[in-house]
Amino acid sequence: MTVWYVYILSTAQQVYYTGITNQPERRLRQHSGHIKGGAKALRGKGPLQFECVFEVADKSTALKLEAWIKRHSRRDKEDIIRQTRQPPADMAAAQLATGFIRQMNSTLHSQ
């Protein structure tokens, strides 16, 4: 079974973009123009970076969460991002998530 991710990324102008993927690193490279297939809305808006990434069980759930996030205001999205940066009860999970976001951002910027 394929794991899916819902992400919020930010542009250099601090505009938020929400999407889904089953390969976050590849998708960020696509959006950044390093490989073919990125969203037209993000062309020339870099550097791009993940603000938060949510792992979900399947594509259907990813699409529903993406739609839910997109219906919300910028302020709501900032709250979502801020909440993902607060340490949850499970510190190991928080460290893993933070490390994943840092890894995705550093991978993009090193290429």
N, C-alpha and C. Protein backbone atom coordinates (compact mmCIF):
# COMPACT_ATOMS: atom_id res chain seq x y z
N MET A 1 0.84 -1.19 0.00
CA MET A 1 0.00 0.00 0.00
C MET A 1 0.88 1.25 0.00
N THR A 2 0.57 2.19 -0.85
CA THR A 2 1.33 3.41 -0.98
C THR A 2 0.94 4.41 0.11
N VAL A 3 1.93 5.01 0.71
CA VAL A 3 1.70 6.07 1.70
C VAL A 3 1.57 7.38 0.94
N TRP A 4 0.62 8.20 1.34
CA TRP A 4 0.41 9.50 0.72
C TRP A 4 0.69 10.60 1.72
N TYR A 5 1.04 11.76 1.19
CA TYR A 5 1.37 12.92 2.02
C TYR A 5 0.59 14.13 1.54
N VAL A 6 0.18 14.95 2.49
CA VAL A 6 -0.41 16.25 2.21
C VAL A 6 0.59 17.26 2.73
N TYR A 7 0.89 18.27 1.93
CA TYR A 7 1.91 19.22 2.34
C TYR A 7 1.44 20.65 2.14
N ILE A 8 2.01 21.52 2.95
CA ILE A 8 1.88 22.96 2.74
C ILE A 8 3.30 23.45 2.54
N LEU A 9 3.52 24.12 1.43
CA LEU A 9 4.84 24.71 1.23
C LEU A 9 4.69 26.21 1.09
N SER A 10 5.79 26.91 1.24
CA SER A 10 5.76 28.36 1.10
C SER A 10 6.73 28.78 0.01
N THR A 11 6.39 29.90 -0.62
CA THR A 11 7.24 30.47 -1.66
C THR A 11 8.12 31.55 -1.04
N ALA A 12 8.98 32.12 -1.85
CA ALA A 12 9.84 33.21 -1.38
C ALA A 12 9.00 34.41 -0.93
N GLN A 13 7.81 34.56 -1.50
CA GLN A 13 6.92 35.67 -1.15
C GLN A 13 6.00 35.32 0.01
N GLN A 14 6.26 34.18 0.65
CA GLN A 14 5.46 33.69 1.79
C GLN A 14 4.01 33.39 1.40
N VAL A 15 3.82 32.91 0.19
CA VAL A 15 2.51 32.43 -0.26
C VAL A 15 2.48 30.94 0.03
N TYR A 16 1.35 30.44 0.52
CA TYR A 16 1.22 29.02 0.83
C TYR A 16 0.59 28.26 -0.34
N TYR A 17 1.09 27.06 -0.55
CA TYR A 17 0.57 26.17 -1.58
C TYR A 17 0.36 24.81 -0.93
N THR A 18 -0.79 24.22 -1.14
CA THR A 18 -1.12 22.92 -0.56
C THR A 18 -1.28 21.89 -1.66
N GLY A 19 -0.74 20.70 -1.45
CA GLY A 19 -0.85 19.65 -2.44
C GLY A 19 -0.69 18.28 -1.81
N ILE A 20 -0.78 17.25 -2.66
CA ILE A 20 -0.59 15.87 -2.21
C ILE A 20 0.45 15.20 -3.08
N THR A 21 1.06 14.16 -2.54
CA THR A 21 2.04 13.38 -3.29
C THR A 21 2.29 12.08 -2.56
N ASN A 22 2.88 11.14 -3.26
CA ASN A 22 3.36 9.93 -2.59
C ASN A 22 4.88 9.93 -2.51
N GLN A 23 5.51 11.00 -3.03
CA GLN A 23 6.96 11.15 -2.97
C GLN A 23 7.29 12.63 -2.73
N PRO A 24 7.32 13.07 -1.48
CA PRO A 24 7.51 14.50 -1.19
C PRO A 24 8.78 15.11 -1.78
N GLU A 25 9.89 14.40 -1.69
CA GLU A 25 11.14 14.97 -2.21
C GLU A 25 11.03 15.22 -3.71
N ARG A 26 10.53 14.24 -4.44
CA ARG A 26 10.36 14.39 -5.89
C ARG A 26 9.41 15.55 -6.20
N ARG A 27 8.32 15.64 -5.46
CA ARG A 27 7.33 16.69 -5.74
C ARG A 27 7.90 18.08 -5.50
N LEU A 28 8.69 18.24 -4.46
CA LEU A 28 9.31 19.53 -4.20
C LEU A 28 10.29 19.88 -5.32
N ARG A 29 11.03 18.89 -5.80
CA ARG A 29 11.95 19.13 -6.92
C ARG A 29 11.17 19.50 -8.18
N GLN A 30 10.02 18.88 -8.39
CA GLN A 30 9.19 19.24 -9.55
C GLN A 30 8.70 20.68 -9.42
N HIS A 31 8.15 21.02 -8.29
CA HIS A 31 7.64 22.38 -8.09
C HIS A 31 8.74 23.42 -8.24
N SER A 32 9.96 23.05 -7.85
CA SER A 32 11.08 23.99 -7.91
C SER A 32 11.70 24.09 -9.30
N GLY A 33 11.23 23.26 -10.23
CA GLY A 33 11.72 23.32 -11.60
C GLY A 33 12.96 22.50 -11.86
N HIS A 34 13.38 21.69 -10.88
CA HIS A 34 14.56 20.85 -11.08
C HIS A 34 14.26 19.66 -11.97
N ILE A 35 13.02 19.19 -11.93
CA ILE A 35 12.58 18.12 -12.82
C ILE A 35 11.18 18.48 -13.33
N LYS A 36 10.78 17.87 -14.42
CA LYS A 36 9.51 18.17 -15.07
C LYS A 36 8.32 17.77 -14.19
N GLY A 37 7.25 18.58 -14.25
CA GLY A 37 6.00 18.18 -13.62
C GLY A 37 5.48 19.05 -12.50
N GLY A 38 6.09 20.19 -12.23
CA GLY A 38 5.63 21.04 -11.14
C GLY A 38 4.40 21.86 -11.49
N ALA A 39 3.77 22.41 -10.48
CA ALA A 39 2.58 23.24 -10.67
C ALA A 39 2.95 24.56 -11.33
N LYS A 40 2.16 24.96 -12.31
CA LYS A 40 2.40 26.23 -13.01
C LYS A 40 2.33 27.41 -12.06
N ALA A 41 1.48 27.31 -11.06
CA ALA A 41 1.30 28.42 -10.10
C ALA A 41 2.58 28.72 -9.32
N LEU A 42 3.52 27.78 -9.29
CA LEU A 42 4.74 27.96 -8.50
C LEU A 42 5.96 28.33 -9.33
N ARG A 43 5.82 28.39 -10.63
CA ARG A 43 6.97 28.71 -11.48
C ARG A 43 7.51 30.10 -11.16
N GLY A 44 8.81 30.16 -10.94
CA GLY A 44 9.46 31.43 -10.66
C GLY A 44 9.19 31.98 -9.27
N LYS A 45 8.60 31.19 -8.39
CA LYS A 45 8.24 31.68 -7.05
C LYS A 45 9.21 31.20 -5.97
N GLY A 46 10.27 30.51 -6.36
CA GLY A 46 11.19 29.92 -5.39
C GLY A 46 12.08 30.93 -4.72
N PRO A 47 12.83 30.49 -3.73
CA PRO A 47 12.91 29.09 -3.30
C PRO A 47 11.64 28.66 -2.55
N LEU A 48 11.35 27.38 -2.70
CA LEU A 48 10.18 26.79 -2.05
C LEU A 48 10.66 25.94 -0.88
N GLN A 49 9.82 25.87 0.15
CA GLN A 49 10.17 24.98 1.26
C GLN A 49 8.91 24.43 1.90
N PHE A 50 9.02 23.21 2.39
CA PHE A 50 7.91 22.61 3.13
C PHE A 50 7.73 23.35 4.44
N GLU A 51 6.50 23.66 4.76
CA GLU A 51 6.16 24.20 6.07
C GLU A 51 5.65 23.09 6.97
N CYS A 52 4.89 22.16 6.40
CA CYS A 52 4.46 20.97 7.13
C CYS A 52 4.09 19.88 6.14
N VAL A 53 4.24 18.65 6.59
CA VAL A 53 3.93 17.48 5.78
C VAL A 53 3.17 16.50 6.66
N PHE A 54 2.02 16.05 6.18
CA PHE A 54 1.20 15.09 6.92
C PHE A 54 1.20 13.77 6.17
N GLU A 55 1.49 12.70 6.87
CA GLU A 55 1.41 11.37 6.28
C GLU A 55 0.00 10.84 6.51
N VAL A 56 -0.63 10.34 5.44
CA VAL A 56 -1.98 9.79 5.55
C VAL A 56 -2.00 8.40 4.94
N ALA A 57 -3.06 7.67 5.22
CA ALA A 57 -3.11 6.25 4.87
C ALA A 57 -3.29 5.98 3.38
N ASP A 58 -4.04 6.84 2.69
CA ASP A 58 -4.33 6.54 1.29
C ASP A 58 -4.62 7.82 0.51
N LYS A 59 -4.74 7.69 -0.79
CA LYS A 59 -4.93 8.85 -1.66
C LYS A 59 -6.27 9.54 -1.38
N SER A 60 -7.30 8.77 -1.12
CA SER A 60 -8.60 9.36 -0.84
C SER A 60 -8.54 10.28 0.38
N THR A 61 -7.89 9.82 1.42
CA THR A 61 -7.73 10.64 2.63
C THR A 61 -6.90 11.88 2.33
N ALA A 62 -5.86 11.71 1.52
CA ALA A 62 -5.00 12.84 1.16
C ALA A 62 -5.80 13.90 0.40
N LEU A 63 -6.62 13.47 -0.54
CA LEU A 63 -7.43 14.42 -1.31
C LEU A 63 -8.42 15.17 -0.42
N LYS A 64 -9.01 14.46 0.53
CA LYS A 64 -9.97 15.10 1.44
C LYS A 64 -9.28 16.11 2.34
N LEU A 65 -8.12 15.74 2.88
CA LEU A 65 -7.38 16.67 3.74
C LEU A 65 -6.89 17.87 2.94
N GLU A 66 -6.41 17.64 1.74
CA GLU A 66 -5.96 18.75 0.88
C GLU A 66 -7.11 19.72 0.64
N ALA A 67 -8.28 19.21 0.29
CA ALA A 67 -9.44 20.06 0.03
C ALA A 67 -9.83 20.84 1.28
N TRP A 68 -9.78 20.18 2.42
CA TRP A 68 -10.13 20.82 3.68
C TRP A 68 -9.17 21.98 3.97
N ILE A 69 -7.87 21.75 3.79
CA ILE A 69 -6.88 22.81 4.04
C ILE A 69 -7.09 23.96 3.07
N LYS A 70 -7.31 23.65 1.80
CA LYS A 70 -7.47 24.69 0.78
C LYS A 70 -8.69 25.57 1.02
N ARG A 71 -9.69 25.05 1.70
CA ARG A 71 -10.89 25.85 2.01
C ARG A 71 -10.64 26.87 3.11
N HIS A 72 -9.53 26.77 3.78
CA HIS A 72 -9.27 27.65 4.93
C HIS A 72 -8.45 28.88 4.55
N SER A 73 -8.54 29.87 5.40
CA SER A 73 -7.84 31.13 5.17
C SER A 73 -6.35 30.99 5.44
N ARG A 74 -5.62 32.00 5.05
CA ARG A 74 -4.18 32.04 5.32
C ARG A 74 -3.92 31.93 6.82
N ARG A 75 -4.69 32.65 7.61
CA ARG A 75 -4.51 32.62 9.06
C ARG A 75 -4.72 31.20 9.60
N ASP A 76 -5.74 30.52 9.09
CA ASP A 76 -5.98 29.14 9.51
C ASP A 76 -4.80 28.24 9.12
N LYS A 77 -4.27 28.46 7.92
CA LYS A 77 -3.11 27.66 7.48
C LYS A 77 -1.90 27.93 8.37
N GLU A 78 -1.72 29.18 8.76
CA GLU A 78 -0.62 29.50 9.68
C GLU A 78 -0.81 28.79 11.01
N ASP A 79 -2.05 28.71 11.48
CA ASP A 79 -2.34 27.97 12.72
C ASP A 79 -2.02 26.49 12.56
N ILE A 80 -2.38 25.93 11.41
CA ILE A 80 -2.07 24.52 11.15
C ILE A 80 -0.56 24.30 11.18
N ILE A 81 0.16 25.17 10.52
CA ILE A 81 1.63 25.06 10.48
C ILE A 81 2.20 25.20 11.89
N ARG A 82 1.73 26.19 12.61
CA ARG A 82 2.23 26.43 13.98
C ARG A 82 1.96 25.21 14.87
N GLN A 83 0.79 24.62 14.74
CA GLN A 83 0.45 23.45 15.56
C GLN A 83 1.33 22.26 15.24
N THR A 84 1.74 22.12 13.99
CA THR A 84 2.62 20.99 13.64
C THR A 84 4.02 21.19 14.18
N ARG A 85 4.35 22.42 14.53
CA ARG A 85 5.68 22.70 15.07
C ARG A 85 5.74 22.62 16.58
N GLN A 86 4.58 22.49 17.21
CA GLN A 86 4.56 22.33 18.67
C GLN A 86 4.79 20.87 18.99
N PRO A 87 5.57 20.60 20.04
CA PRO A 87 5.85 19.21 20.35
C PRO A 87 4.61 18.45 20.81
N PRO A 88 4.27 17.36 20.13
CA PRO A 88 3.16 16.54 20.59
C PRO A 88 3.59 15.71 21.80
N ALA A 89 2.66 14.97 22.33
CA ALA A 89 2.95 14.15 23.50
C ALA A 89 4.07 13.16 23.19
N ASP A 90 4.12 12.68 21.97
CA ASP A 90 5.14 11.72 21.57
C ASP A 90 6.32 12.48 20.96
N MET A 91 7.34 12.74 21.76
CA MET A 91 8.49 13.53 21.29
C MET A 91 9.24 12.85 20.16
N ALA A 92 9.27 11.53 20.15
CA ALA A 92 9.96 10.82 19.08
C ALA A 92 9.30 11.12 17.73
N ALA A 93 7.97 11.15 17.72
CA ALA A 93 7.24 11.46 16.49
C ALA A 93 7.51 12.91 16.06
N ALA A 94 7.57 13.81 17.03
CA ALA A 94 7.84 15.22 16.71
C ALA A 94 9.22 15.38 16.11
N GLN A 95 10.21 14.71 16.68
CA GLN A 95 11.56 14.81 16.16
C GLN A 95 11.65 14.21 14.76
N LEU A 96 10.96 13.12 14.54
CA LEU A 96 10.95 12.49 13.22
C LEU A 96 10.33 13.42 12.19
N ALA A 97 9.19 14.02 12.52
CA ALA A 97 8.50 14.92 11.59
C ALA A 97 9.36 16.14 11.30
N THR A 98 9.96 16.73 12.33
CA THR A 98 10.81 17.90 12.14
C THR A 98 12.01 17.55 11.28
N GLY A 99 12.61 16.40 11.55
CA GLY A 99 13.74 15.95 10.75
C GLY A 99 13.37 15.73 9.30
N PHE A 100 12.18 15.19 9.06
CA PHE A 100 11.72 14.95 7.70
C PHE A 100 11.58 16.26 6.94
N ILE A 101 10.97 17.26 7.57
CA ILE A 101 10.79 18.56 6.92
C ILE A 101 12.14 19.19 6.63
N ARG A 102 13.06 19.15 7.59
CA ARG A 102 14.39 19.71 7.38
C ARG A 102 15.12 18.99 6.25
N GLN A 103 14.99 17.66 6.23
CA GLN A 103 15.65 16.88 5.19
C GLN A 103 15.11 17.25 3.81
N MET A 104 13.81 17.39 3.69
CA MET A 104 13.22 17.75 2.40
C MET A 104 13.71 19.12 1.95
N ASN A 105 13.74 20.08 2.88
CA ASN A 105 14.18 21.43 2.53
C ASN A 105 15.66 21.45 2.17
N SER A 106 16.50 20.76 2.94
CA SER A 106 17.93 20.79 2.65
C SER A 106 18.26 20.04 1.37
N THR A 107 17.52 18.99 1.07
CA THR A 107 17.74 18.25 -0.17
C THR A 107 17.48 19.15 -1.36
N LEU A 108 16.41 19.90 -1.31
CA LEU A 108 16.08 20.79 -2.41
C LEU A 108 17.14 21.86 -2.58
N HIS A 109 17.54 22.50 -1.50
CA HIS A 109 18.44 23.64 -1.59
C HIS A 109 19.88 23.24 -1.89
N SER A 110 20.22 21.97 -1.74
CA SER A 110 21.58 21.53 -2.03
C SER A 110 21.75 21.14 -3.50
N GLN A 111 20.68 21.13 -4.25
CA GLN A 111 20.75 20.70 -5.65
C GLN A 111 20.78 21.86 -6.60
